[in-house]
N, C-alpha and C. Protein backbone atom coordinates (compact mmCIF):
# COMPACT_ATOMS: atom_id res chain seq x y z
N MET A 1 -50.38 38.31 213.52
CA MET A 1 -51.26 38.45 214.67
C MET A 1 -52.65 37.92 214.31
N LEU A 2 -53.30 37.29 215.26
CA LEU A 2 -54.61 36.71 215.05
C LEU A 2 -55.66 37.81 214.98
N ALA A 3 -56.39 37.85 213.89
CA ALA A 3 -57.41 38.89 213.69
C ALA A 3 -58.66 38.55 214.47
N ARG A 4 -59.43 39.57 214.81
CA ARG A 4 -60.69 39.39 215.53
C ARG A 4 -61.81 38.90 214.61
N VAL A 5 -61.78 39.25 213.37
CA VAL A 5 -62.83 38.86 212.42
C VAL A 5 -63.03 37.35 212.37
N PRO A 6 -61.97 36.54 212.36
CA PRO A 6 -62.19 35.10 212.30
C PRO A 6 -63.02 34.56 213.47
N LEU A 7 -62.97 35.21 214.61
CA LEU A 7 -63.77 34.75 215.74
C LEU A 7 -65.25 34.93 215.45
N ASP A 8 -65.62 36.03 214.77
CA ASP A 8 -67.01 36.22 214.37
C ASP A 8 -67.42 35.11 213.41
N GLU A 9 -66.52 34.79 212.49
CA GLU A 9 -66.79 33.73 211.54
C GLU A 9 -66.92 32.39 212.27
N ALA A 10 -66.07 32.17 213.25
CA ALA A 10 -66.15 30.94 214.04
C ALA A 10 -67.49 30.85 214.77
N ALA A 11 -67.92 31.95 215.33
CA ALA A 11 -69.20 31.96 216.04
C ALA A 11 -70.35 31.67 215.08
N ARG A 12 -70.30 32.24 213.88
CA ARG A 12 -71.36 32.01 212.90
C ARG A 12 -71.41 30.53 212.52
N HIS A 13 -70.25 29.93 212.26
CA HIS A 13 -70.21 28.51 211.93
C HIS A 13 -70.71 27.67 213.11
N ALA A 14 -70.27 28.02 214.30
CA ALA A 14 -70.67 27.26 215.48
C ALA A 14 -72.17 27.39 215.75
N ALA A 15 -72.73 28.57 215.48
CA ALA A 15 -74.16 28.79 215.71
C ALA A 15 -75.00 27.93 214.78
N GLU A 16 -74.43 27.48 213.67
CA GLU A 16 -75.16 26.63 212.73
C GLU A 16 -75.22 25.17 213.19
N THR A 17 -74.46 24.82 214.21
CA THR A 17 -74.46 23.45 214.68
C THR A 17 -75.67 23.21 215.58
N PRO A 18 -76.09 21.97 215.70
CA PRO A 18 -77.24 21.67 216.56
C PRO A 18 -76.98 22.06 218.02
N GLU A 19 -75.74 22.08 218.43
CA GLU A 19 -75.43 22.39 219.83
C GLU A 19 -75.48 23.89 220.13
N ARG A 20 -75.60 24.68 219.09
CA ARG A 20 -75.69 26.14 219.23
C ARG A 20 -74.51 26.71 220.04
N ALA A 21 -73.31 26.25 219.71
CA ALA A 21 -72.11 26.79 220.36
C ALA A 21 -72.05 28.29 220.10
N ARG A 22 -71.53 29.02 221.03
CA ARG A 22 -71.49 30.47 220.91
C ARG A 22 -70.06 30.99 220.94
N LEU A 23 -69.92 32.24 220.52
CA LEU A 23 -68.61 32.87 220.46
C LEU A 23 -67.86 32.74 221.77
N GLU A 24 -68.54 32.95 222.89
CA GLU A 24 -67.82 32.91 224.16
C GLU A 24 -67.31 31.51 224.51
N LEU A 25 -67.77 30.49 223.81
CA LEU A 25 -67.27 29.14 224.04
C LEU A 25 -66.11 28.79 223.12
N ILE A 26 -66.00 29.49 221.99
CA ILE A 26 -64.97 29.18 220.99
C ILE A 26 -63.77 30.13 221.12
N ALA A 27 -64.04 31.40 221.25
CA ALA A 27 -62.98 32.42 221.25
C ALA A 27 -61.88 32.17 222.28
N PRO A 28 -62.20 31.73 223.50
CA PRO A 28 -61.11 31.54 224.47
C PRO A 28 -60.03 30.56 224.01
N PHE A 29 -60.40 29.55 223.22
CA PHE A 29 -59.41 28.57 222.76
C PHE A 29 -58.50 29.17 221.69
N VAL A 30 -59.07 29.94 220.79
CA VAL A 30 -58.28 30.56 219.73
C VAL A 30 -57.34 31.61 220.33
N GLU A 31 -57.88 32.44 221.20
CA GLU A 31 -57.06 33.49 221.83
C GLU A 31 -55.97 32.89 222.70
N ALA A 32 -56.30 31.85 223.46
CA ALA A 32 -55.30 31.21 224.31
C ALA A 32 -54.20 30.56 223.47
N ALA A 33 -54.58 29.92 222.36
CA ALA A 33 -53.59 29.30 221.49
C ALA A 33 -52.61 30.34 220.96
N ALA A 34 -53.13 31.48 220.49
CA ALA A 34 -52.25 32.53 219.97
C ALA A 34 -51.31 33.04 221.06
N ARG A 35 -51.83 33.22 222.25
CA ARG A 35 -51.03 33.74 223.36
C ARG A 35 -49.96 32.73 223.80
N VAL A 36 -50.36 31.48 224.02
CA VAL A 36 -49.42 30.46 224.50
C VAL A 36 -48.34 30.16 223.47
N ILE A 37 -48.71 30.06 222.21
CA ILE A 37 -47.73 29.75 221.17
C ILE A 37 -46.74 30.90 220.99
N LYS A 38 -47.21 32.12 221.10
CA LYS A 38 -46.30 33.28 221.04
C LYS A 38 -45.33 33.23 222.22
N GLN A 39 -45.86 32.95 223.41
CA GLN A 39 -45.03 32.92 224.62
C GLN A 39 -44.06 31.75 224.63
N GLU A 40 -44.53 30.56 224.28
CA GLU A 40 -43.71 29.36 224.39
C GLU A 40 -42.79 29.12 223.19
N CYS A 41 -43.24 29.55 222.00
CA CYS A 41 -42.50 29.23 220.78
C CYS A 41 -42.02 30.46 220.02
N GLY A 42 -42.45 31.65 220.43
CA GLY A 42 -42.08 32.87 219.73
C GLY A 42 -42.71 32.96 218.35
N GLU A 43 -43.81 32.25 218.15
CA GLU A 43 -44.47 32.17 216.84
C GLU A 43 -45.74 32.99 216.82
N VAL A 44 -45.96 33.67 215.71
CA VAL A 44 -47.22 34.36 215.47
C VAL A 44 -48.13 33.38 214.73
N VAL A 45 -49.36 33.29 215.18
CA VAL A 45 -50.32 32.33 214.64
C VAL A 45 -51.24 33.03 213.65
N SER A 46 -51.48 32.38 212.53
CA SER A 46 -52.51 32.87 211.60
C SER A 46 -53.55 31.76 211.43
N ARG A 47 -54.72 32.14 210.94
CA ARG A 47 -55.84 31.21 210.86
C ARG A 47 -56.04 30.69 209.45
N GLY A 48 -56.34 29.43 209.35
CA GLY A 48 -56.73 28.81 208.09
C GLY A 48 -58.24 28.85 207.93
N GLN A 49 -58.78 28.07 207.01
CA GLN A 49 -60.22 28.04 206.73
C GLN A 49 -60.97 27.20 207.76
N LEU A 50 -61.94 27.81 208.43
CA LEU A 50 -62.75 27.10 209.41
C LEU A 50 -63.69 26.13 208.72
N HIS A 51 -63.98 25.02 209.39
CA HIS A 51 -64.98 24.09 208.90
C HIS A 51 -65.49 23.23 210.05
N ARG A 52 -66.56 22.50 209.79
CA ARG A 52 -67.14 21.62 210.79
C ARG A 52 -67.03 20.17 210.33
N VAL A 53 -66.88 19.27 211.30
CA VAL A 53 -66.86 17.85 210.98
C VAL A 53 -67.66 17.07 212.02
N ARG A 54 -68.21 15.97 211.58
CA ARG A 54 -68.86 15.02 212.48
C ARG A 54 -68.13 13.68 212.48
N SER A 55 -67.16 13.52 211.61
CA SER A 55 -66.42 12.27 211.50
C SER A 55 -65.64 11.98 212.79
N PRO A 56 -65.64 10.72 213.22
CA PRO A 56 -64.83 10.38 214.40
C PRO A 56 -63.35 10.18 214.06
N GLN A 57 -62.99 10.25 212.78
CA GLN A 57 -61.61 10.02 212.36
C GLN A 57 -60.76 11.28 212.52
N THR A 58 -59.54 11.11 212.99
CA THR A 58 -58.59 12.22 213.01
C THR A 58 -57.96 12.33 211.63
N SER A 59 -57.46 13.50 211.31
CA SER A 59 -56.85 13.68 210.00
C SER A 59 -55.36 13.96 210.11
N ASN A 60 -54.81 13.85 211.29
CA ASN A 60 -53.40 14.12 211.50
C ASN A 60 -52.73 12.99 212.28
N ASP A 61 -51.40 13.08 212.40
CA ASP A 61 -50.61 12.05 213.05
C ASP A 61 -50.64 12.12 214.57
N VAL A 62 -50.75 13.33 215.11
CA VAL A 62 -50.67 13.55 216.56
C VAL A 62 -51.88 14.36 217.00
N SER A 63 -52.61 13.84 217.97
CA SER A 63 -53.76 14.56 218.52
C SER A 63 -53.69 14.53 220.03
N ALA A 64 -53.81 15.71 220.64
CA ALA A 64 -53.88 15.83 222.09
C ALA A 64 -55.34 16.13 222.44
N LEU A 65 -55.94 15.27 223.25
CA LEU A 65 -57.35 15.40 223.62
C LEU A 65 -57.46 15.83 225.07
N ILE A 66 -58.36 16.77 225.31
CA ILE A 66 -58.65 17.20 226.67
C ILE A 66 -60.16 17.31 226.82
N ALA A 67 -60.70 16.61 227.80
CA ALA A 67 -62.13 16.71 228.10
C ALA A 67 -62.36 17.94 228.97
N VAL A 68 -63.45 18.63 228.70
CA VAL A 68 -63.82 19.83 229.45
C VAL A 68 -65.18 19.58 230.07
N THR A 69 -65.30 19.88 231.37
CA THR A 69 -66.57 19.71 232.07
C THR A 69 -66.86 20.94 232.90
N GLY A 70 -68.03 21.00 233.47
CA GLY A 70 -68.43 22.13 234.31
C GLY A 70 -69.59 22.86 233.68
N GLY A 71 -69.42 24.15 233.42
CA GLY A 71 -70.45 24.95 232.76
C GLY A 71 -70.60 24.62 231.29
N VAL A 72 -69.59 23.97 230.74
CA VAL A 72 -69.62 23.44 229.37
C VAL A 72 -69.16 21.98 229.46
N ALA A 73 -69.50 21.21 228.45
CA ALA A 73 -69.06 19.81 228.43
C ALA A 73 -68.64 19.45 227.02
N GLY A 74 -67.60 18.68 226.91
CA GLY A 74 -67.17 18.23 225.60
C GLY A 74 -65.70 17.92 225.55
N LEU A 75 -65.16 18.09 224.37
CA LEU A 75 -63.80 17.67 224.08
C LEU A 75 -63.11 18.72 223.22
N VAL A 76 -61.86 18.99 223.51
CA VAL A 76 -61.03 19.86 222.68
C VAL A 76 -59.87 19.00 222.19
N ILE A 77 -59.63 19.05 220.89
CA ILE A 77 -58.59 18.22 220.28
C ILE A 77 -57.61 19.13 219.55
N TYR A 78 -56.33 19.00 219.87
CA TYR A 78 -55.27 19.74 219.18
C TYR A 78 -54.59 18.72 218.28
N SER A 79 -54.67 18.92 216.96
CA SER A 79 -54.25 17.90 216.01
C SER A 79 -53.21 18.47 215.04
N MET A 80 -52.19 17.67 214.71
CA MET A 80 -51.12 18.14 213.83
C MET A 80 -50.37 16.96 213.23
N SER A 81 -49.58 17.25 212.22
CA SER A 81 -48.70 16.24 211.64
C SER A 81 -47.55 15.98 212.61
N ALA A 82 -46.86 14.86 212.41
CA ALA A 82 -45.70 14.55 213.24
C ALA A 82 -44.63 15.63 213.08
N GLU A 83 -44.46 16.15 211.86
CA GLU A 83 -43.45 17.19 211.62
C GLU A 83 -43.78 18.47 212.39
N THR A 84 -45.05 18.86 212.39
CA THR A 84 -45.45 20.05 213.14
C THR A 84 -45.27 19.82 214.63
N ALA A 85 -45.61 18.63 215.11
CA ALA A 85 -45.42 18.30 216.53
C ALA A 85 -43.95 18.41 216.91
N MET A 86 -43.06 17.91 216.04
CA MET A 86 -41.63 18.00 216.32
C MET A 86 -41.17 19.46 216.29
N GLY A 87 -41.78 20.28 215.42
CA GLY A 87 -41.48 21.71 215.39
C GLY A 87 -41.88 22.39 216.70
N PHE A 88 -43.07 22.10 217.18
CA PHE A 88 -43.50 22.66 218.47
C PHE A 88 -42.56 22.21 219.58
N ALA A 89 -42.27 20.91 219.63
CA ALA A 89 -41.39 20.38 220.68
C ALA A 89 -40.01 21.03 220.60
N SER A 90 -39.49 21.21 219.39
CA SER A 90 -38.17 21.84 219.22
C SER A 90 -38.17 23.26 219.77
N HIS A 91 -39.21 24.02 219.43
CA HIS A 91 -39.30 25.40 219.93
C HIS A 91 -39.45 25.43 221.44
N MET A 92 -40.27 24.56 221.97
CA MET A 92 -40.52 24.57 223.42
C MET A 92 -39.30 24.10 224.21
N MET A 93 -38.55 23.13 223.65
CA MET A 93 -37.41 22.58 224.37
C MET A 93 -36.11 23.33 224.07
N GLY A 94 -36.13 24.20 223.05
CA GLY A 94 -34.96 25.01 222.74
C GLY A 94 -33.86 24.26 222.03
N GLU A 95 -34.19 23.11 221.45
CA GLU A 95 -33.21 22.34 220.69
C GLU A 95 -33.95 21.49 219.66
N PRO A 96 -33.26 21.11 218.58
CA PRO A 96 -33.92 20.30 217.56
C PRO A 96 -34.43 18.97 218.12
N VAL A 97 -35.61 18.60 217.70
CA VAL A 97 -36.20 17.32 218.09
C VAL A 97 -36.34 16.49 216.82
N PRO A 98 -35.48 15.47 216.65
CA PRO A 98 -35.48 14.69 215.41
C PRO A 98 -36.56 13.61 215.33
N GLU A 99 -37.15 13.26 216.48
CA GLU A 99 -38.20 12.24 216.49
C GLU A 99 -39.21 12.57 217.60
N LEU A 100 -40.38 11.99 217.46
CA LEU A 100 -41.45 12.24 218.41
C LEU A 100 -41.32 11.25 219.58
N ASP A 101 -40.24 11.44 220.36
CA ASP A 101 -39.97 10.56 221.49
C ASP A 101 -40.81 10.98 222.70
N ALA A 102 -40.58 10.36 223.84
CA ALA A 102 -41.37 10.63 225.04
C ALA A 102 -41.29 12.10 225.47
N MET A 103 -40.13 12.71 225.37
CA MET A 103 -40.00 14.13 225.75
C MET A 103 -40.78 15.02 224.80
N ALA A 104 -40.71 14.77 223.51
CA ALA A 104 -41.46 15.55 222.53
C ALA A 104 -42.96 15.37 222.73
N GLN A 105 -43.39 14.15 223.02
CA GLN A 105 -44.80 13.89 223.29
C GLN A 105 -45.26 14.65 224.53
N SER A 106 -44.42 14.68 225.53
CA SER A 106 -44.73 15.42 226.76
C SER A 106 -44.88 16.92 226.47
N ALA A 107 -44.03 17.45 225.59
CA ALA A 107 -44.12 18.87 225.23
C ALA A 107 -45.45 19.17 224.54
N ILE A 108 -45.90 18.30 223.64
CA ILE A 108 -47.17 18.50 222.95
C ILE A 108 -48.33 18.43 223.94
N ALA A 109 -48.28 17.47 224.85
CA ALA A 109 -49.32 17.36 225.87
C ALA A 109 -49.35 18.62 226.74
N GLU A 110 -48.19 19.13 227.09
CA GLU A 110 -48.13 20.33 227.91
C GLU A 110 -48.63 21.56 227.15
N LEU A 111 -48.33 21.66 225.87
CA LEU A 111 -48.85 22.76 225.05
C LEU A 111 -50.38 22.75 225.07
N ALA A 112 -50.98 21.58 224.85
CA ALA A 112 -52.44 21.45 224.89
C ALA A 112 -52.98 21.81 226.27
N ASN A 113 -52.29 21.38 227.30
CA ASN A 113 -52.69 21.66 228.67
C ASN A 113 -52.67 23.17 228.96
N MET A 114 -51.61 23.85 228.53
CA MET A 114 -51.51 25.30 228.76
C MET A 114 -52.61 26.06 228.02
N ILE A 115 -52.84 25.70 226.76
CA ILE A 115 -53.87 26.39 225.97
C ILE A 115 -55.24 26.19 226.61
N THR A 116 -55.56 24.94 226.94
CA THR A 116 -56.87 24.66 227.52
C THR A 116 -57.01 25.29 228.89
N GLY A 117 -55.95 25.30 229.67
CA GLY A 117 -55.99 25.96 230.99
C GLY A 117 -56.30 27.44 230.87
N GLN A 118 -55.63 28.12 229.95
CA GLN A 118 -55.89 29.55 229.76
C GLN A 118 -57.29 29.79 229.20
N ALA A 119 -57.75 28.92 228.31
CA ALA A 119 -59.11 29.03 227.78
C ALA A 119 -60.12 28.83 228.92
N GLY A 120 -59.83 27.88 229.81
CA GLY A 120 -60.71 27.62 230.95
C GLY A 120 -60.82 28.83 231.87
N ILE A 121 -59.74 29.53 232.07
CA ILE A 121 -59.76 30.75 232.89
C ILE A 121 -60.65 31.80 232.22
N ALA A 122 -60.53 31.95 230.92
CA ALA A 122 -61.37 32.90 230.18
C ALA A 122 -62.84 32.49 230.23
N LEU A 123 -63.12 31.21 230.09
CA LEU A 123 -64.50 30.74 230.18
C LEU A 123 -65.08 31.01 231.56
N GLU A 124 -64.28 30.80 232.58
CA GLU A 124 -64.71 31.07 233.97
C GLU A 124 -65.12 32.54 234.13
N LYS A 125 -64.34 33.43 233.53
CA LYS A 125 -64.63 34.87 233.63
C LYS A 125 -65.93 35.25 232.94
N THR A 126 -66.38 34.45 231.97
CA THR A 126 -67.64 34.74 231.27
C THR A 126 -68.80 33.92 231.82
N GLY A 127 -68.60 33.29 232.99
CA GLY A 127 -69.69 32.59 233.64
C GLY A 127 -69.79 31.10 233.36
N TYR A 128 -68.73 30.51 232.79
CA TYR A 128 -68.72 29.08 232.52
C TYR A 128 -67.57 28.42 233.30
N PRO A 129 -67.79 28.09 234.57
CA PRO A 129 -66.73 27.42 235.31
C PRO A 129 -66.39 26.09 234.65
N THR A 130 -65.11 25.79 234.55
CA THR A 130 -64.70 24.57 233.85
C THR A 130 -63.65 23.80 234.63
N ASP A 131 -63.67 22.52 234.41
CA ASP A 131 -62.61 21.61 234.84
C ASP A 131 -62.13 20.93 233.58
N MET A 132 -60.92 20.42 233.62
CA MET A 132 -60.41 19.74 232.43
C MET A 132 -59.63 18.50 232.84
N SER A 133 -59.64 17.53 231.96
CA SER A 133 -58.90 16.29 232.19
C SER A 133 -57.43 16.52 231.84
N PRO A 134 -56.56 15.65 232.31
CA PRO A 134 -55.19 15.69 231.80
C PRO A 134 -55.21 15.37 230.30
N PRO A 135 -54.24 15.89 229.55
CA PRO A 135 -54.21 15.59 228.12
C PRO A 135 -53.92 14.12 227.84
N VAL A 136 -54.53 13.63 226.78
CA VAL A 136 -54.27 12.28 226.30
C VAL A 136 -53.79 12.43 224.86
N LEU A 137 -52.68 11.78 224.52
CA LEU A 137 -52.16 11.84 223.16
C LEU A 137 -52.58 10.62 222.37
N LEU A 138 -53.07 10.86 221.16
CA LEU A 138 -53.33 9.81 220.19
C LEU A 138 -52.26 9.94 219.12
N LEU A 139 -51.56 8.87 218.84
CA LEU A 139 -50.53 8.88 217.81
C LEU A 139 -50.96 7.96 216.69
N GLY A 140 -50.94 8.47 215.49
CA GLY A 140 -51.31 7.66 214.34
C GLY A 140 -52.42 8.29 213.54
N HIS A 141 -52.19 8.43 212.26
CA HIS A 141 -53.15 9.03 211.33
C HIS A 141 -54.41 8.17 211.26
N GLY A 142 -55.58 8.82 211.35
CA GLY A 142 -56.84 8.11 211.20
C GLY A 142 -57.36 7.45 212.45
N SER A 143 -56.80 7.80 213.62
CA SER A 143 -57.35 7.26 214.86
C SER A 143 -58.79 7.71 214.99
N SER A 144 -59.58 6.94 215.70
CA SER A 144 -61.00 7.25 215.84
C SER A 144 -61.27 7.85 217.22
N ILE A 145 -62.03 8.94 217.24
CA ILE A 145 -62.39 9.63 218.48
C ILE A 145 -63.91 9.72 218.53
N ALA A 146 -64.52 9.18 219.57
CA ALA A 146 -65.98 9.27 219.69
C ALA A 146 -66.34 10.60 220.34
N THR A 147 -66.97 11.48 219.57
CA THR A 147 -67.42 12.77 220.13
C THR A 147 -68.92 12.76 220.35
N PHE A 148 -69.53 11.58 220.28
CA PHE A 148 -70.93 11.39 220.64
C PHE A 148 -71.85 12.40 219.98
N ASN A 149 -71.75 12.46 218.66
CA ASN A 149 -72.62 13.30 217.82
C ASN A 149 -72.46 14.80 218.04
N LEU A 150 -71.42 15.22 218.70
CA LEU A 150 -71.13 16.65 218.77
C LEU A 150 -70.41 17.04 217.48
N THR A 151 -70.86 18.09 216.86
CA THR A 151 -70.13 18.61 215.71
C THR A 151 -68.87 19.28 216.23
N ARG A 152 -67.74 18.97 215.60
CA ARG A 152 -66.49 19.62 215.97
C ARG A 152 -66.27 20.79 215.04
N LEU A 153 -66.09 21.97 215.62
CA LEU A 153 -65.68 23.13 214.84
C LEU A 153 -64.17 23.05 214.74
N VAL A 154 -63.65 22.94 213.53
CA VAL A 154 -62.22 22.80 213.31
C VAL A 154 -61.66 24.17 212.96
N ILE A 155 -60.72 24.62 213.78
CA ILE A 155 -60.10 25.92 213.60
C ILE A 155 -58.63 25.68 213.24
N PRO A 156 -58.30 25.70 211.93
CA PRO A 156 -56.91 25.50 211.53
C PRO A 156 -56.07 26.74 211.87
N LEU A 157 -54.92 26.52 212.44
CA LEU A 157 -54.00 27.60 212.76
C LEU A 157 -52.65 27.26 212.13
N VAL A 158 -51.95 28.29 211.70
CA VAL A 158 -50.70 28.11 210.97
C VAL A 158 -49.57 28.83 211.69
N VAL A 159 -48.45 28.14 211.83
CA VAL A 159 -47.21 28.72 212.33
C VAL A 159 -46.15 28.50 211.26
N SER A 160 -44.96 29.03 211.45
CA SER A 160 -43.94 28.96 210.39
C SER A 160 -43.52 27.53 210.05
N PHE A 161 -43.66 26.60 210.98
CA PHE A 161 -43.20 25.23 210.73
C PHE A 161 -44.34 24.25 210.47
N GLY A 162 -45.55 24.75 210.28
CA GLY A 162 -46.64 23.84 209.93
C GLY A 162 -48.00 24.35 210.33
N GLU A 163 -48.98 23.49 210.12
CA GLU A 163 -50.36 23.80 210.46
C GLU A 163 -50.86 22.81 211.51
N PHE A 164 -51.71 23.29 212.39
CA PHE A 164 -52.36 22.41 213.35
C PHE A 164 -53.78 22.90 213.49
N SER A 165 -54.61 22.09 214.10
CA SER A 165 -56.00 22.52 214.26
C SER A 165 -56.44 22.32 215.69
N ILE A 166 -57.39 23.17 216.06
CA ILE A 166 -58.09 23.01 217.33
C ILE A 166 -59.50 22.59 216.95
N ASP A 167 -59.88 21.40 217.35
CA ASP A 167 -61.24 20.92 217.15
C ASP A 167 -61.98 21.14 218.46
N VAL A 168 -62.99 21.99 218.43
CA VAL A 168 -63.75 22.31 219.63
C VAL A 168 -65.12 21.62 219.49
N ALA A 169 -65.37 20.68 220.39
CA ALA A 169 -66.65 19.96 220.41
C ALA A 169 -67.23 20.11 221.82
N ILE A 170 -67.64 21.31 222.15
CA ILE A 170 -68.20 21.56 223.48
C ILE A 170 -69.56 22.22 223.35
N LYS A 171 -70.35 22.06 224.39
CA LYS A 171 -71.64 22.71 224.44
C LYS A 171 -71.92 23.15 225.87
N GLU A 172 -72.77 24.12 225.99
CA GLU A 172 -73.19 24.63 227.29
C GLU A 172 -74.06 23.56 227.96
N VAL A 173 -73.87 23.40 229.27
CA VAL A 173 -74.72 22.43 230.00
C VAL A 173 -75.64 23.14 230.96
């Protein structure tokens, strides 16, 4: 089960960024990820070591990007290895997925969409109305993402079949 303490740590790290991201902007994504992954995959999520990055390079094979606008603006990136992506797709589709084909890619995009949608509902409840773009998948290790000098808070999360991260690069507008 996802502990509450890491959210305090996430807020502290985020508060150190020039954008002064706050707990109420970060927590909804972590909580939504834990909820959606439990519901869709039957997996309990644990947290890895938080860190910040400014690099435009991705560090994984598969990244689902969703732009967030409204009371906050920025980008949320769900990033994972191809093996972890196939694990998520297998759990979501209820059958083994041997390759990251169009159906598996669609499952990853939908996972990102569900997490961001639930996070958006939580943000709305705390006074940050949000809209979000449809997910865009980047395939290939080391793809470049322009986050326009926003520091990304990287929140690594672990499931039984691998690790993935949520990179939150949003700020209050």
